[in-house]
N, C-alpha and C. Protein backbone atom coordinates (compact mmCIF):
# COMPACT_ATOMS: atom_id res chain seq x y z
N MET A 1 117.90 -8.14 80.54
CA MET A 1 117.23 -8.81 81.63
C MET A 1 117.99 -10.18 82.05
N SER A 2 118.49 -10.55 83.16
CA SER A 2 119.06 -11.90 83.35
C SER A 2 117.95 -12.75 83.82
N ASP A 3 118.27 -14.08 83.84
CA ASP A 3 117.78 -14.92 84.22
C ASP A 3 117.18 -14.75 85.82
N LEU A 4 117.89 -14.25 86.34
CA LEU A 4 117.09 -14.04 87.95
C LEU A 4 116.44 -13.05 88.35
N THR A 5 116.37 -11.78 87.28
CA THR A 5 115.26 -11.00 87.45
C THR A 5 114.29 -11.15 86.63
N SER A 6 114.19 -11.94 85.71
CA SER A 6 113.06 -12.55 84.99
C SER A 6 112.58 -13.79 85.71
N ARG A 7 112.85 -14.37 86.49
CA ARG A 7 112.20 -15.69 87.43
C ARG A 7 111.76 -15.18 88.49
N ARG A 8 110.77 -15.91 89.05
CA ARG A 8 109.91 -15.53 90.49
C ARG A 8 110.57 -16.72 91.38
N ILE A 9 111.30 -16.24 92.22
CA ILE A 9 112.11 -17.29 93.18
C ILE A 9 111.00 -17.10 94.39
N PRO A 10 110.65 -18.45 94.84
CA PRO A 10 109.52 -18.78 96.04
C PRO A 10 110.44 -18.59 97.07
N PRO A 11 109.31 -18.16 98.02
CA PRO A 11 110.22 -17.78 99.50
C PRO A 11 110.76 -19.00 99.91
N GLY A 12 111.74 -18.81 100.69
CA GLY A 12 112.79 -19.82 101.10
C GLY A 12 114.06 -19.13 101.51
N PRO A 13 114.87 -20.13 101.67
CA PRO A 13 116.46 -19.95 101.82
C PRO A 13 117.06 -18.92 100.58
N ILE A 14 116.54 -19.22 99.69
CA ILE A 14 117.35 -18.61 98.30
C ILE A 14 116.78 -17.14 98.21
N LEU A 15 115.74 -16.79 98.64
CA LEU A 15 115.23 -15.73 98.36
C LEU A 15 115.71 -14.98 99.56
N GLN A 16 115.54 -15.36 100.89
CA GLN A 16 116.28 -14.58 101.78
C GLN A 16 117.85 -13.99 101.78
N ALA A 17 118.39 -15.29 101.17
CA ALA A 17 119.88 -15.05 100.89
C ALA A 17 119.81 -13.88 100.02
N LEU A 18 119.16 -13.97 99.19
CA LEU A 18 119.45 -12.72 98.06
C LEU A 18 119.05 -11.36 98.49
N ARG A 19 117.78 -11.42 99.37
CA ARG A 19 117.30 -10.16 99.98
C ARG A 19 118.81 -9.69 101.03
N THR A 20 119.27 -10.78 101.81
CA THR A 20 120.43 -10.20 102.78
C THR A 20 121.41 -9.73 102.15
N HIS A 21 121.98 -10.58 100.93
CA HIS A 21 123.28 -10.21 101.05
C HIS A 21 123.49 -9.61 99.24
N ARG A 22 122.28 -9.60 98.43
CA ARG A 22 121.93 -8.86 97.30
C ARG A 22 123.03 -9.54 96.18
N PHE A 23 123.14 -11.12 96.48
CA PHE A 23 124.16 -11.75 95.83
C PHE A 23 123.62 -13.04 95.47
N LEU A 24 123.65 -13.80 94.48
CA LEU A 24 123.75 -15.18 94.49
C LEU A 24 124.71 -15.79 93.38
N PRO A 25 125.37 -16.91 93.36
CA PRO A 25 126.64 -17.12 92.55
C PRO A 25 125.72 -17.31 90.93
N ASP A 26 126.82 -16.96 89.98
CA ASP A 26 126.05 -17.05 88.81
C ASP A 26 125.76 -18.44 88.50
N TRP A 27 126.13 -19.49 89.05
CA TRP A 27 125.46 -20.83 88.94
C TRP A 27 124.63 -21.17 89.45
N ALA A 28 123.87 -20.29 90.43
CA ALA A 28 122.68 -20.78 91.25
C ALA A 28 121.25 -21.07 90.42
N LEU A 29 121.14 -20.71 89.21
CA LEU A 29 119.98 -21.43 88.64
C LEU A 29 120.16 -22.60 87.89
N ASP A 30 121.44 -22.84 87.82
CA ASP A 30 121.85 -24.21 86.91
C ASP A 30 121.98 -25.32 88.03
N VAL A 31 121.57 -25.30 89.25
CA VAL A 31 121.89 -26.41 89.67
C VAL A 31 120.06 -26.84 90.75
N PRO A 32 119.85 -27.81 90.73
CA PRO A 32 118.93 -28.10 91.66
C PRO A 32 118.10 -27.26 92.65
N ARG A 33 116.94 -26.84 92.67
CA ARG A 33 116.51 -25.37 93.91
C ARG A 33 116.77 -26.22 95.25
N LEU A 34 116.39 -27.43 95.35
CA LEU A 34 116.44 -28.17 96.63
C LEU A 34 118.01 -28.43 97.22
N ALA A 35 119.09 -28.64 96.34
CA ALA A 35 120.17 -28.59 96.55
C ALA A 35 121.01 -27.35 97.12
N LEU A 36 120.43 -26.46 96.07
CA LEU A 36 121.30 -24.81 96.78
C LEU A 36 120.24 -24.49 98.05
N GLU A 37 119.04 -24.93 98.17
CA GLU A 37 118.37 -24.27 99.55
C GLU A 37 119.14 -25.11 100.92
N HIS A 38 119.62 -26.36 100.51
CA HIS A 38 120.13 -26.96 101.76
C HIS A 38 121.65 -26.54 101.76
N ALA A 39 122.36 -26.25 100.70
CA ALA A 39 123.60 -25.52 100.89
C ALA A 39 123.68 -24.42 101.63
N LEU A 40 122.74 -23.44 101.30
CA LEU A 40 122.47 -21.97 101.81
C LEU A 40 122.23 -22.46 103.41
N ASP A 41 121.37 -23.54 103.56
CA ASP A 41 121.34 -23.59 105.17
C ASP A 41 122.44 -24.14 105.85
N LEU A 42 123.42 -24.90 105.34
CA LEU A 42 124.57 -25.08 105.67
C LEU A 42 125.70 -24.16 105.84
N ALA A 43 125.26 -23.04 105.03
CA ALA A 43 126.18 -21.95 105.13
C ALA A 43 125.87 -20.87 105.80
N GLU A 44 124.68 -21.04 106.47
CA GLU A 44 123.93 -19.90 107.55
C GLU A 44 123.37 -18.91 106.64
N GLY A 45 123.03 -19.42 105.22
CA GLY A 45 122.28 -18.22 104.48
C GLY A 45 123.33 -17.46 103.62
N ASP A 46 124.67 -17.67 103.92
CA ASP A 46 125.61 -17.02 103.25
C ASP A 46 126.04 -17.30 101.85
N PRO A 47 125.61 -16.88 100.86
CA PRO A 47 126.09 -17.53 99.50
C PRO A 47 127.29 -17.22 98.89
N ARG A 48 127.84 -16.39 99.52
CA ARG A 48 129.56 -16.19 99.22
C ARG A 48 130.16 -17.47 99.77
N ARG A 49 129.85 -18.33 100.78
CA ARG A 49 130.41 -19.38 101.29
C ARG A 49 130.41 -20.59 100.31
N LEU A 50 129.53 -20.52 99.30
CA LEU A 50 129.17 -21.94 98.30
C LEU A 50 130.07 -21.69 97.07
N VAL A 51 130.73 -22.82 96.87
CA VAL A 51 131.67 -23.00 95.88
C VAL A 51 131.04 -24.35 94.72
N LEU A 52 131.09 -24.03 93.86
CA LEU A 52 130.31 -25.32 92.84
C LEU A 52 131.62 -26.01 92.15
N GLU A 53 131.69 -27.42 92.50
CA GLU A 53 132.61 -28.14 92.07
C GLU A 53 132.29 -28.72 90.93
N GLU A 54 133.45 -29.06 90.20
CA GLU A 54 133.35 -29.59 88.69
C GLU A 54 132.31 -30.77 88.46
N ASP A 55 132.40 -31.61 89.66
CA ASP A 55 131.48 -32.55 89.18
C ASP A 55 129.96 -32.32 89.64
N GLY A 56 129.63 -30.96 89.93
CA GLY A 56 128.24 -30.51 90.29
C GLY A 56 128.01 -30.57 91.91
N THR A 57 128.64 -30.89 92.57
CA THR A 57 128.45 -30.69 93.91
C THR A 57 128.49 -29.61 94.52
N ILE A 58 127.99 -29.01 95.44
CA ILE A 58 128.29 -27.71 96.08
C ILE A 58 129.07 -27.53 97.35
N ARG A 59 130.19 -27.27 97.37
CA ARG A 59 130.85 -27.16 98.63
C ARG A 59 130.61 -25.93 99.51
N VAL A 60 130.81 -25.95 100.78
CA VAL A 60 130.26 -25.04 101.67
C VAL A 60 131.82 -24.53 102.58
N GLU A 61 132.24 -23.32 102.14
CA GLU A 61 133.43 -22.96 102.91
C GLU A 61 133.48 -22.58 104.22
N ASN A 62 134.40 -22.45 104.69
CA ASN A 62 134.28 -21.83 106.48
C ASN A 62 134.04 -20.25 106.32
N ALA A 63 134.42 -19.86 105.52
CA ALA A 63 134.72 -18.24 105.27
C ALA A 63 134.34 -17.93 103.98
N PRO A 64 133.41 -16.61 103.88
CA PRO A 64 133.17 -16.24 102.57
C PRO A 64 134.20 -16.21 101.41
N GLN A 65 134.00 -16.17 100.28
CA GLN A 65 135.29 -16.28 98.94
C GLN A 65 135.19 -14.67 99.07
N PRO A 66 136.60 -14.35 98.51
CA PRO A 66 136.65 -12.95 98.23
C PRO A 66 136.00 -12.48 97.10
């Protein structure tokens, strides 16, 4: 069982992205929840557009990552 399935995700942008896209990046639980929520808002709810940089910042791409 992964961390994602063993944790309760509170209602909000993270849960909505998981329901809509059935995907969250592997690093999604390693960053602060508030940072991930704001990044998802900027990415219009599409977690495929998020990239975690080496310095820990979350970059939002214009198009989804392949």
